[in-house]
Amino acid sequence: MNQSKLGIFLRGVAMGAADLVPGVSGGTIALITGIYTRLIAAIASVGPSTLSLLLRGRVSDAWKAIDGPFLLVLGAGIATAVIGLASLLDWLLQHFPLPLWAAFSGLVLASALSLVKQNYRLWSSKEWPLFIIGIGVAVFVGLTQAVQLPITPWGVFLAGSVAICAMILPGISGSFLLLLMGMYQVVISAVVNLELVTLGLFALGCGMGLLLFSRLLQRLLLVAEQRVMAMLLGFLLGSLIILWPWQVTVSSVLDRHGEMRAVQTLPVTPGHYAEQVGDPMLLLSLVGFITGFVAVQLLMFLSREQDDS
């Protein structure tokens, strides 16, 4: 499928916007806009063979081998969103978190339904159990209480290698995985205070995890594409439990700054949320949900239009 540079850039913008919100994955956007397999292939192509081309001075061949133009334009879109939308999304998370989570719930639900509609006719009795397993795994992860990895060089490296996998897995974000591993505050503190050693170890872990996991996913997609897609779509649908706006904290810990941080939450009804927490913002949340649902249809339409032009 021919994908224009503008279409790829817009996908990058959408991916960057999604990655800014804990609980939402840029991989979700890549999946619903039709660039998922290309993204996996481009990342997986980075390795010894491309390094060999670089060492021999064949820079142009190495650039083509990793689908460099695609990654460059997509990366520019992601960076644009991160720079341009970070403040807005942070403000929304601070002042209107429930409508924002509702919007992303609508986005994920519309995405999952559209993608299942596109693929289910290709599924046999082998794919449907994997779809159910994917839902179950996402629900389990969403209800799991956080654990604390040791704050050591290896712990930071491991956190990076695991969290980065969320970039190419639809349905869950890297920041959420960091939260589950008890490393979210560590990484945020390192960014704020420019702790270069910690950031370097984390980046190395990200690079290693991304290269290894992308190769595994590419291999699986080549030999069993529909089975992998069935599990990924189940995971995407099951991730709604993470994005459900109305959550109550069932356990929390005191972080290094003396502030209470939730390590396990449970989804509840808006009525129960009103009793336990406060205003459920039902009307605004409904508007947010509809906006997210419609935005997916618009995004998919624009992607098709750009690819056909």
C-alpha atoms as a PDB file:
ATOM      1  CA  MET A   1       0.000   0.000   0.000  1.00  0.00           C
ATOM      2  CA  ASN A   2       1.361   3.411  -0.960  1.00  0.00           C
ATOM      3  CA  GLN A   3       1.613   5.632   2.085  1.00  0.00           C
ATOM      4  CA  SER A   4       2.222   9.337   1.531  1.00  0.00           C
ATOM      5  CA  LYS A   5       4.661  11.306   3.676  1.00  0.00           C
ATOM      6  CA  LEU A   6       1.815  13.469   4.991  1.00  0.00           C
ATOM      7  CA  GLY A   7      -0.164  10.363   5.924  1.00  0.00           C
ATOM      8  CA  ILE A   8       2.832   8.896   7.778  1.00  0.00           C
ATOM      9  CA  PHE A   9       3.475  12.228   9.530  1.00  0.00           C
ATOM     10  CA  LEU A  10      -0.154  12.444  10.711  1.00  0.00           C
ATOM     11  CA  ARG A  11       0.067   8.890  12.039  1.00  0.00           C
ATOM     12  CA  GLY A  12       3.197   9.929  13.937  1.00  0.00           C
ATOM     13  CA  VAL A  13       1.368  12.898  15.444  1.00  0.00           C
ATOM     14  CA  ALA A  14      -1.425  10.590  16.599  1.00  0.00           C
ATOM     15  CA  MET A  15       1.084   8.083  18.026  1.00  0.00           C
ATOM     16  CA  GLY A  16       2.928  10.816  19.904  1.00  0.00           C
ATOM     17  CA  ALA A  17      -0.299  12.165  21.373  1.00  0.00           C
ATOM     18  CA  ALA A  18      -1.303   8.691  22.544  1.00  0.00           C
ATOM     19  CA  ASP A  19       2.094   7.966  24.123  1.00  0.00           C
ATOM     20  CA  LEU A  20       1.815  11.123  26.236  1.00  0.00           C
ATOM     21  CA  VAL A  21      -1.062   9.661  28.242  1.00  0.00           C
ATOM     22  CA  PRO A  22      -0.285   6.826  30.692  1.00  0.00           C
ATOM     23  CA  GLY A  23      -2.348   3.776  29.733  1.00  0.00           C
ATOM     24  CA  VAL A  24      -2.463   4.502  25.987  1.00  0.00           C
ATOM     25  CA  SER A  25      -0.040   3.016  23.475  1.00  0.00           C
ATOM     26  CA  GLY A  26       1.334   4.472  20.271  1.00  0.00           C
ATOM     27  CA  GLY A  27       1.240   0.900  18.981  1.00  0.00           C
ATOM     28  CA  THR A  28      -2.543   1.135  19.115  1.00  0.00           C
ATOM     29  CA  ILE A  29      -2.489   4.052  16.680  1.00  0.00           C
ATOM     30  CA  ALA A  30      -0.007   2.255  14.415  1.00  0.00           C
ATOM     31  CA  LEU A  31      -2.311  -0.752  14.329  1.00  0.00           C
ATOM     32  CA  ILE A  32      -5.537   1.076  13.546  1.00  0.00           C
ATOM     33  CA  THR A  33      -3.942   3.255  10.847  1.00  0.00           C
ATOM     34  CA  GLY A  34      -2.362   0.422   8.897  1.00  0.00           C
ATOM     35  CA  ILE A  35       1.384   0.938   9.513  1.00  0.00           C
ATOM     36  CA  TYR A  36       1.898  -1.640  12.242  1.00  0.00           C
ATOM     37  CA  THR A  37       3.631  -4.356  10.205  1.00  0.00           C
ATOM     38  CA  ARG A  38       5.766  -1.770   8.380  1.00  0.00           C
ATOM     39  CA  LEU A  39       6.849  -0.234  11.699  1.00  0.00           C
ATOM     40  CA  ILE A  40       7.790  -3.633  13.114  1.00  0.00           C
ATOM     41  CA  ALA A  41       9.740  -4.517   9.967  1.00  0.00           C
ATOM     42  CA  ALA A  42      11.603  -1.183   9.989  1.00  0.00           C
ATOM     43  CA  ILE A  43      12.635  -1.500  13.640  1.00  0.00           C
ATOM     44  CA  ALA A  44      13.561  -5.180  13.280  1.00  0.00           C
ATOM     45  CA  SER A  45      15.797  -4.398  10.306  1.00  0.00           C
ATOM     46  CA  VAL A  46      18.190  -2.473  12.570  1.00  0.00           C
ATOM     47  CA  GLY A  47      20.964  -4.874  13.451  1.00  0.00           C
ATOM     48  CA  PRO A  48      24.393  -6.286  12.561  1.00  0.00           C
ATOM     49  CA  SER A  49      23.705  -6.238   8.817  1.00  0.00           C
ATOM     50  CA  THR A  50      22.914  -2.517   8.764  1.00  0.00           C
ATOM     51  CA  LEU A  51      25.871  -1.814  11.062  1.00  0.00           C
ATOM     52  CA  SER A  52      28.073  -3.681   8.594  1.00  0.00           C
ATOM     53  CA  LEU A  53      26.800  -1.484   5.771  1.00  0.00           C
ATOM     54  CA  LEU A  54      27.601   1.634   7.787  1.00  0.00           C
ATOM     55  CA  LEU A  55      31.114   0.438   8.608  1.00  0.00           C
ATOM     56  CA  ARG A  56      31.731  -0.137   4.900  1.00  0.00           C
ATOM     57  CA  GLY A  57      30.590   3.397   4.123  1.00  0.00           C
ATOM     58  CA  ARG A  58      27.362   2.311   2.416  1.00  0.00           C
ATOM     59  CA  VAL A  59      25.227   4.806   4.316  1.00  0.00           C
ATOM     60  CA  SER A  60      22.565   5.081   1.601  1.00  0.00           C
ATOM     61  CA  ASP A  61      22.073   1.299   1.500  1.00  0.00           C
ATOM     62  CA  ALA A  62      21.826   1.146   5.302  1.00  0.00           C
ATOM     63  CA  TRP A  63      19.259   3.970   5.279  1.00  0.00           C
ATOM     64  CA  LYS A  64      17.132   2.098   2.749  1.00  0.00           C
ATOM     65  CA  ALA A  65      17.525  -1.192   4.620  1.00  0.00           C
ATOM     66  CA  ILE A  66      15.941   0.218   7.768  1.00  0.00           C
ATOM     67  CA  ASP A  67      13.220   2.087   5.825  1.00  0.00           C
ATOM     68  CA  GLY A  68      14.845   5.313   6.982  1.00  0.00           C
ATOM     69  CA  PRO A  69      12.529   7.785   5.190  1.00  0.00           C
ATOM     70  CA  PHE A  70       9.501   6.144   6.840  1.00  0.00           C
ATOM     71  CA  LEU A  71      11.057   6.180  10.333  1.00  0.00           C
ATOM     72  CA  LEU A  72      12.251   9.772   9.895  1.00  0.00           C
ATOM     73  CA  VAL A  73       8.835  11.144   8.896  1.00  0.00           C
ATOM     74  CA  LEU A  74       7.034   9.064  11.536  1.00  0.00           C
ATOM     75  CA  GLY A  75       9.529  10.193  14.193  1.00  0.00           C
ATOM     76  CA  ALA A  76       9.033  13.830  13.163  1.00  0.00           C
ATOM     77  CA  GLY A  77       5.284  13.429  13.675  1.00  0.00           C
ATOM     78  CA  ILE A  78       5.787  11.846  17.102  1.00  0.00           C
ATOM     79  CA  ALA A  79       8.191  14.620  18.149  1.00  0.00           C
ATOM     80  CA  THR A  80       5.770  17.279  16.913  1.00  0.00           C
ATOM     81  CA  ALA A  81       2.982  15.845  19.061  1.00  0.00           C
ATOM     82  CA  VAL A  82       5.191  15.468  22.136  1.00  0.00           C
ATOM     83  CA  ILE A  83       6.442  19.057  21.889  1.00  0.00           C
ATOM     84  CA  GLY A  84       3.149  20.631  20.849  1.00  0.00           C
ATOM     85  CA  LEU A  85       0.619  18.672  22.895  1.00  0.00           C
ATOM     86  CA  ALA A  86       2.444  17.784  26.118  1.00  0.00           C
ATOM     87  CA  SER A  87       1.289  20.897  27.972  1.00  0.00           C
ATOM     88  CA  LEU A  88      -2.324  20.548  26.784  1.00  0.00           C
ATOM     89  CA  LEU A  89      -2.594  16.885  27.747  1.00  0.00           C
ATOM     90  CA  ASP A  90      -0.918  17.539  31.088  1.00  0.00           C
ATOM     91  CA  TRP A  91      -3.469  20.299  31.758  1.00  0.00           C
ATOM     92  CA  LEU A  92      -6.338  17.988  30.790  1.00  0.00           C
ATOM     93  CA  LEU A  93      -4.999  15.238  33.048  1.00  0.00           C
ATOM     94  CA  GLN A  94      -4.814  17.729  35.916  1.00  0.00           C
ATOM     95  CA  HIS A  95      -8.241  19.341  35.460  1.00  0.00           C
ATOM     96  CA  PHE A  96     -10.424  16.989  33.378  1.00  0.00           C
ATOM     97  CA  PRO A  97      -8.966  13.486  33.794  1.00  0.00           C
ATOM     98  CA  LEU A  98     -12.266  11.604  33.577  1.00  0.00           C
ATOM     99  CA  PRO A  99     -13.368  13.058  30.207  1.00  0.00           C
ATOM    100  CA  LEU A 100      -9.848  12.493  28.858  1.00  0.00           C
ATOM    101  CA  TRP A 101      -9.835   8.830  29.926  1.00  0.00           C
ATOM    102  CA  ALA A 102     -13.332   8.501  28.482  1.00  0.00           C
ATOM    103  CA  ALA A 103     -12.082   9.901  25.161  1.00  0.00           C
ATOM    104  CA  PHE A 104      -9.300   7.339  25.042  1.00  0.00           C
ATOM    105  CA  SER A 105     -11.753   4.603  26.020  1.00  0.00           C
ATOM    106  CA  GLY A 106     -13.892   5.576  23.035  1.00  0.00           C
ATOM    107  CA  LEU A 107     -10.800   5.610  20.830  1.00  0.00           C
ATOM    108  CA  VAL A 108      -9.678   2.130  21.888  1.00  0.00           C
ATOM    109  CA  LEU A 109     -13.168   0.616  21.718  1.00  0.00           C
ATOM    110  CA  ALA A 110     -13.757   1.981  18.207  1.00  0.00           C
ATOM    111  CA  SER A 111     -10.302   0.785  17.162  1.00  0.00           C
ATOM    112  CA  ALA A 112     -10.827  -2.723  18.505  1.00  0.00           C
ATOM    113  CA  LEU A 113     -14.279  -3.091  16.949  1.00  0.00           C
ATOM    114  CA  SER A 114     -13.102  -1.815  13.560  1.00  0.00           C
ATOM    115  CA  LEU A 115     -10.070  -4.081  13.482  1.00  0.00           C
ATOM    116  CA  VAL A 116     -11.987  -7.158  14.635  1.00  0.00           C
ATOM    117  CA  LYS A 117     -14.556  -6.453  11.901  1.00  0.00           C
ATOM    118  CA  GLN A 118     -11.750  -6.329   9.334  1.00  0.00           C
ATOM    119  CA  ASN A 119     -10.096  -9.556  10.482  1.00  0.00           C
ATOM    120  CA  TYR A 120     -12.608 -11.944  12.033  1.00  0.00           C
ATOM    121  CA  ARG A 121     -13.662 -13.492   8.708  1.00  0.00           C
ATOM    122  CA  LEU A 122     -10.091 -14.764   8.341  1.00  0.00           C
ATOM    123  CA  TRP A 123     -10.112 -16.413  11.753  1.00  0.00           C
ATOM    124  CA  SER A 124     -10.631 -20.118  12.347  1.00  0.00           C
ATOM    125  CA  SER A 125     -11.160 -22.092  15.537  1.00  0.00           C
ATOM    126  CA  LYS A 126      -7.466 -21.535  16.324  1.00  0.00           C
ATOM    127  CA  GLU A 127      -7.630 -17.739  16.370  1.00  0.00           C
ATOM    128  CA  TRP A 128     -10.664 -17.179  18.610  1.00  0.00           C
ATOM    129  CA  PRO A 129      -9.117 -18.798  21.728  1.00  0.00           C
ATOM    130  CA  LEU A 130      -6.070 -16.558  21.276  1.00  0.00           C
ATOM    131  CA  PHE A 131      -8.372 -13.541  21.041  1.00  0.00           C
ATOM    132  CA  ILE A 132      -9.928 -14.527  24.386  1.00  0.00           C
ATOM    133  CA  ILE A 133      -6.484 -15.120  25.913  1.00  0.00           C
ATOM    134  CA  GLY A 134      -5.404 -11.648  24.774  1.00  0.00           C
ATOM    135  CA  ILE A 135      -8.396 -10.113  26.543  1.00  0.00           C
ATOM    136  CA  GLY A 136      -7.628 -12.104  29.687  1.00  0.00           C
ATOM    137  CA  VAL A 137      -3.958 -11.092  29.759  1.00  0.00           C
ATOM    138  CA  ALA A 138      -4.830  -7.394  29.404  1.00  0.00           C
ATOM    139  CA  VAL A 139      -7.429  -7.615  32.173  1.00  0.00           C
ATOM    140  CA  PHE A 140      -4.956  -9.432  34.430  1.00  0.00           C
ATOM    141  CA  VAL A 141      -2.281  -6.786  33.826  1.00  0.00           C
ATOM    142  CA  GLY A 142      -4.803  -4.013  34.440  1.00  0.00           C
ATOM    143  CA  LEU A 143      -5.825  -5.464  37.800  1.00  0.00           C
ATOM    144  CA  THR A 144      -2.327  -6.424  38.920  1.00  0.00           C
ATOM    145  CA  GLN A 145      -0.778  -4.696  41.894  1.00  0.00           C
ATOM    146  CA  ALA A 146       2.546  -3.017  41.234  1.00  0.00           C
ATOM    147  CA  VAL A 147       5.775  -4.640  42.344  1.00  0.00           C
ATOM    148  CA  GLN A 148       9.036  -2.845  43.081  1.00  0.00           C
ATOM    149  CA  LEU A 149      12.049  -3.761  40.978  1.00  0.00           C
ATOM    150  CA  PRO A 150      15.355  -3.122  42.747  1.00  0.00           C
ATOM    151  CA  ILE A 151      16.621   0.389  41.989  1.00  0.00           C
ATOM    152  CA  THR A 152      19.963  -0.828  40.671  1.00  0.00           C
ATOM    153  CA  PRO A 153      21.667  -0.451  37.271  1.00  0.00           C
ATOM    154  CA  TRP A 154      20.268  -3.811  36.200  1.00  0.00           C
ATOM    155  CA  GLY A 155      16.817  -2.879  37.519  1.00  0.00           C
ATOM    156  CA  VAL A 156      16.789   0.342  35.468  1.00  0.00           C
ATOM    157  CA  PHE A 157      18.074  -1.513  32.395  1.00  0.00           C
ATOM    158  CA  LEU A 158      15.400  -4.215  32.781  1.00  0.00           C
ATOM    159  CA  ALA A 159      12.665  -1.598  33.257  1.00  0.00           C
ATOM    160  CA  GLY A 160      13.663   0.082  29.995  1.00  0.00           C
ATOM    161  CA  SER A 161      13.795  -3.173  28.044  1.00  0.00           C
ATOM    162  CA  VAL A 162      10.321  -4.186  29.229  1.00  0.00           C
ATOM    163  CA  ALA A 163       8.607  -0.789  29.036  1.00  0.00           C
ATOM    164  CA  ILE A 164       9.742  -0.085  25.464  1.00  0.00           C
ATOM    165  CA  CYS A 165       7.883  -3.168  24.256  1.00  0.00           C
ATOM    166  CA  ALA A 166       4.672  -1.204  24.849  1.00  0.00           C
ATOM    167  CA  MET A 167       5.649   1.095  21.986  1.00  0.00           C
ATOM    168  CA  ILE A 168       5.027  -1.738  19.537  1.00  0.00           C
ATOM    169  CA  LEU A 169       2.305  -3.548  21.477  1.00  0.00           C
ATOM    170  CA  PRO A 170      -1.193  -2.100  21.118  1.00  0.00           C
ATOM    171  CA  GLY A 171      -3.239  -1.732  24.240  1.00  0.00           C
ATOM    172  CA  ILE A 172      -0.836  -0.725  26.993  1.00  0.00           C
ATOM    173  CA  SER A 173       1.658   2.081  27.509  1.00  0.00           C
ATOM    174  CA  GLY A 174       5.264   2.051  28.621  1.00  0.00           C
ATOM    175  CA  SER A 175       4.504   4.415  31.482  1.00  0.00           C
ATOM    176  CA  PHE A 176       1.888   1.980  32.788  1.00  0.00           C
ATOM    177  CA  LEU A 177       4.400  -0.876  32.711  1.00  0.00           C
ATOM    178  CA  LEU A 178       6.893   1.332  34.549  1.00  0.00           C
ATOM    179  CA  LEU A 179       4.221   1.997  37.150  1.00  0.00           C
ATOM    180  CA  LEU A 180       3.603  -1.752  37.565  1.00  0.00           C
ATOM    181  CA  MET A 181       7.349  -2.321  38.039  1.00  0.00           C
ATOM    182  CA  GLY A 182       7.615   0.507  40.567  1.00  0.00           C
ATOM    183  CA  MET A 183      10.053   2.389  38.323  1.00  0.00           C
ATOM    184  CA  TYR A 184       7.860   5.227  37.046  1.00  0.00           C
ATOM    185  CA  GLN A 185       8.962   7.734  39.685  1.00  0.00           C
ATOM    186  CA  VAL A 186      12.604   6.695  39.290  1.00  0.00           C
ATOM    187  CA  VAL A 187      12.587   7.400  35.563  1.00  0.00           C
ATOM    188  CA  ILE A 188      10.626  10.650  35.888  1.00  0.00           C
ATOM    189  CA  SER A 189      13.034  11.848  38.579  1.00  0.00           C
ATOM    190  CA  ALA A 190      15.986  10.986  36.336  1.00  0.00           C
ATOM    191  CA  VAL A 191      14.498  13.028  33.499  1.00  0.00           C
ATOM    192  CA  VAL A 192      13.736  16.034  35.695  1.00  0.00           C
ATOM    193  CA  ASN A 193      17.133  16.006  37.420  1.00  0.00           C
ATOM    194  CA  LEU A 194      19.127  15.012  34.305  1.00  0.00           C
ATOM    195  CA  GLU A 195      20.596  11.910  35.960  1.00  0.00           C
ATOM    196  CA  LEU A 196      22.637  10.913  32.915  1.00  0.00           C
ATOM    197  CA  VAL A 197      23.794   7.528  34.201  1.00  0.00           C
ATOM    198  CA  THR A 198      20.254   6.415  35.000  1.00  0.00           C
ATOM    199  CA  LEU A 199      18.937   7.779  31.714  1.00  0.00           C
ATOM    200  CA  GLY A 200      21.761   6.099  29.809  1.00  0.00           C
ATOM    201  CA  LEU A 201      21.044   2.709  31.380  1.00  0.00           C
ATOM    202  CA  PHE A 202      17.337   3.133  30.729  1.00  0.00           C
ATOM    203  CA  ALA A 203      18.006   4.082  27.085  1.00  0.00           C
ATOM    204  CA  LEU A 204      20.267   1.054  26.622  1.00  0.00           C
ATOM    205  CA  GLY A 205      17.526  -1.166  28.002  1.00  0.00           C
ATOM    206  CA  CYS A 206      15.019   0.435  25.657  1.00  0.00           C
ATOM    207  CA  GLY A 207      17.274  -0.123  22.667  1.00  0.00           C
ATOM    208  CA  MET A 208      17.941  -3.760  23.527  1.00  0.00           C
ATOM    209  CA  GLY A 209      14.298  -4.539  24.263  1.00  0.00           C
ATOM    210  CA  LEU A 210      13.069  -2.808  21.127  1.00  0.00           C
ATOM    211  CA  LEU A 211      15.479  -4.603  18.804  1.00  0.00           C
ATOM    212  CA  LEU A 212      14.880  -8.048  20.297  1.00  0.00           C
ATOM    213  CA  PHE A 213      11.119  -7.790  20.709  1.00  0.00           C
ATOM    214  CA  SER A 214      10.576  -6.282  17.251  1.00  0.00           C
ATOM    215  CA  ARG A 215      12.439  -9.208  15.675  1.00  0.00           C
ATOM    216  CA  LEU A 216      10.319 -11.681  17.620  1.00  0.00           C
ATOM    217  CA  LEU A 217       7.114  -9.946  16.578  1.00  0.00           C
ATOM    218  CA  GLN A 218       8.201  -9.761  12.954  1.00  0.00           C
ATOM    219  CA  ARG A 219       8.968 -13.483  12.933  1.00  0.00           C
ATOM    220  CA  LEU A 220       5.600 -14.295  14.494  1.00  0.00           C
ATOM    221  CA  LEU A 221       3.746 -12.074  12.019  1.00  0.00           C
ATOM    222  CA  LEU A 222       5.457 -13.822   9.117  1.00  0.00           C
ATOM    223  CA  VAL A 223       4.597 -17.350  10.232  1.00  0.00           C
ATOM    224  CA  ALA A 224       1.228 -16.810  11.955  1.00  0.00           C
ATOM    225  CA  GLU A 225      -0.090 -13.343  11.168  1.00  0.00           C
ATOM    226  CA  GLN A 226      -3.764 -13.943  11.941  1.00  0.00           C
ATOM    227  CA  ARG A 227      -3.048 -15.723  15.221  1.00  0.00           C
ATOM    228  CA  VAL A 228      -0.776 -12.891  16.355  1.00  0.00           C
ATOM    229  CA  MET A 229      -3.353 -10.306  15.271  1.00  0.00           C
ATOM    230  CA  ALA A 230      -6.116 -12.157  17.119  1.00  0.00           C
ATOM    231  CA  MET A 231      -4.122 -12.039  20.362  1.00  0.00           C
ATOM    232  CA  LEU A 232      -3.111  -8.405  19.833  1.00  0.00           C
ATOM    233  CA  LEU A 233      -6.710  -7.362  19.177  1.00  0.00           C
ATOM    234  CA  GLY A 234      -7.844  -9.242  22.272  1.00  0.00           C
ATOM    235  CA  PHE A 235      -5.157  -7.428  24.240  1.00  0.00           C
ATOM    236  CA  LEU A 236      -6.335  -4.125  22.771  1.00  0.00           C
ATOM    237  CA  LEU A 237      -9.960  -4.777  23.718  1.00  0.00           C
ATOM    238  CA  GLY A 238      -9.017  -6.003  27.204  1.00  0.00           C
ATOM    239  CA  SER A 239      -6.992  -2.843  27.834  1.00  0.00           C
ATOM    240  CA  LEU A 240     -10.274  -0.951  28.226  1.00  0.00           C
ATOM    241  CA  ILE A 241     -10.192  -1.958  31.881  1.00  0.00           C
ATOM    242  CA  ILE A 242      -7.053   0.183  32.260  1.00  0.00           C
ATOM    243  CA  LEU A 243      -8.633   3.165  30.506  1.00  0.00           C
ATOM    244  CA  TRP A 244     -12.018   2.999  32.264  1.00  0.00           C
ATOM    245  CA  PRO A 245     -12.403   6.542  33.647  1.00  0.00           C
ATOM    246  CA  TRP A 246     -13.887   5.704  37.033  1.00  0.00           C
ATOM    247  CA  GLN A 247     -11.248   3.962  39.142  1.00  0.00           C
ATOM    248  CA  VAL A 248     -10.775   3.811  42.899  1.00  0.00           C
ATOM    249  CA  THR A 249      -7.468   3.182  44.654  1.00  0.00           C
ATOM    250  CA  VAL A 250      -7.312  -0.040  46.644  1.00  0.00           C
ATOM    251  CA  SER A 251      -3.643   0.180  47.643  1.00  0.00           C
ATOM    252  CA  SER A 252      -0.965   2.853  47.550  1.00  0.00           C
ATOM    253  CA  VAL A 253       2.594   3.485  48.653  1.00  0.00           C
ATOM    254  CA  LEU A 254       4.608   6.485  49.809  1.00  0.00           C
ATOM    255  CA  ASP A 255       7.048   7.493  47.071  1.00  0.00           C
ATOM    256  CA  ARG A 256      10.485   9.075  47.535  1.00  0.00           C
ATOM    257  CA  HIS A 257       8.913  12.564  47.600  1.00  0.00           C
ATOM    258  CA  GLY A 258       6.597  11.720  50.467  1.00  0.00           C
ATOM    259  CA  GLU A 259       3.501  11.579  48.258  1.00  0.00           C
ATOM    260  CA  MET A 260       1.001   8.727  48.118  1.00  0.00           C
ATOM    261  CA  ARG A 261       1.032   6.901  44.781  1.00  0.00           C
ATOM    262  CA  ALA A 262      -1.609   4.371  43.723  1.00  0.00           C
ATOM    263  CA  VAL A 263      -0.207   0.925  42.944  1.00  0.00           C
ATOM    264  CA  GLN A 264      -3.525  -0.841  42.399  1.00  0.00           C
ATOM    265  CA  THR A 265      -6.882   0.527  41.265  1.00  0.00           C
ATOM    266  CA  LEU A 266     -10.205  -1.073  40.439  1.00  0.00           C
ATOM    267  CA  PRO A 267     -12.831   0.082  37.918  1.00  0.00           C
ATOM    268  CA  VAL A 268     -16.173   1.014  39.455  1.00  0.00           C
ATOM    269  CA  THR A 269     -19.498   2.442  38.317  1.00  0.00           C
ATOM    270  CA  PRO A 270     -19.901   6.232  38.069  1.00  0.00           C
ATOM    271  CA  GLY A 271     -22.281   6.088  41.017  1.00  0.00           C
ATOM    272  CA  HIS A 272     -19.781   4.277  43.216  1.00  0.00           C
ATOM    273  CA  TYR A 273     -17.083   6.716  42.111  1.00  0.00           C
ATOM    274  CA  ALA A 274     -19.313   9.636  43.144  1.00  0.00           C
ATOM    275  CA  GLU A 275     -19.731   8.104  46.608  1.00  0.00           C
ATOM    276  CA  GLN A 276     -16.047   7.274  47.115  1.00  0.00           C
ATOM    277  CA  VAL A 277     -14.182  10.018  45.225  1.00  0.00           C
ATOM    278  CA  GLY A 278     -16.293  12.868  43.880  1.00  0.00           C
ATOM    279  CA  ASP A 279     -17.959  14.275  40.776  1.00  0.00           C
ATOM    280  CA  PRO A 280     -17.959  11.590  37.997  1.00  0.00           C
ATOM    281  CA  MET A 281     -18.341  14.277  35.276  1.00  0.00           C
ATOM    282  CA  LEU A 282     -20.834  12.090  33.424  1.00  0.00           C
ATOM    283  CA  LEU A 283     -21.862  14.566  30.726  1.00  0.00           C
ATOM    284  CA  LEU A 284     -18.318  15.656  29.884  1.00  0.00           C
ATOM    285  CA  SER A 285     -17.163  12.031  29.964  1.00  0.00           C
ATOM    286  CA  LEU A 286     -19.905  11.054  27.535  1.00  0.00           C
ATOM    287  CA  VAL A 287     -18.824  13.867  25.213  1.00  0.00           C
ATOM    288  CA  GLY A 288     -15.228  12.701  25.555  1.00  0.00           C
ATOM    289  CA  PHE A 289     -16.156   9.087  24.771  1.00  0.00           C
ATOM    290  CA  ILE A 290     -18.114  10.072  21.657  1.00  0.00           C
ATOM    291  CA  THR A 291     -15.275  12.354  20.553  1.00  0.00           C
ATOM    292  CA  GLY A 292     -12.741   9.545  20.879  1.00  0.00           C
ATOM    293  CA  PHE A 293     -15.001   7.071  19.085  1.00  0.00           C
ATOM    294  CA  VAL A 294     -15.623   9.448  16.175  1.00  0.00           C
ATOM    295  CA  ALA A 295     -11.957  10.483  16.037  1.00  0.00           C
ATOM    296  CA  VAL A 296     -10.949   6.908  15.191  1.00  0.00           C
ATOM    297  CA  GLN A 297     -13.332   6.774  12.245  1.00  0.00           C
ATOM    298  CA  LEU A 298     -12.011  10.138  11.046  1.00  0.00           C
ATOM    299  CA  LEU A 299      -8.388   9.066  11.531  1.00  0.00           C
ATOM    300  CA  MET A 300      -8.908   5.855   9.572  1.00  0.00           C
ATOM    301  CA  PHE A 301     -10.733   7.754   6.810  1.00  0.00           C
ATOM    302  CA  LEU A 302      -7.954  10.347   6.528  1.00  0.00           C
ATOM    303  CA  SER A 303      -5.341   7.597   6.469  1.00  0.00           C
ATOM    304  CA  ARG A 304      -7.092   5.872   3.570  1.00  0.00           C
ATOM    305  CA  GLU A 305      -7.478   9.173   1.727  1.00  0.00           C
ATOM    306  CA  GLN A 306      -3.775  10.024   2.119  1.00  0.00           C
ATOM    307  CA  ASP A 307      -2.712   6.524   1.042  1.00  0.00           C
ATOM    308  CA  ASP A 308      -4.901   6.659  -2.076  1.00  0.00           C
ATOM    309  CA  SER A 309      -3.702  10.132  -3.118  1.00  0.00           C
END
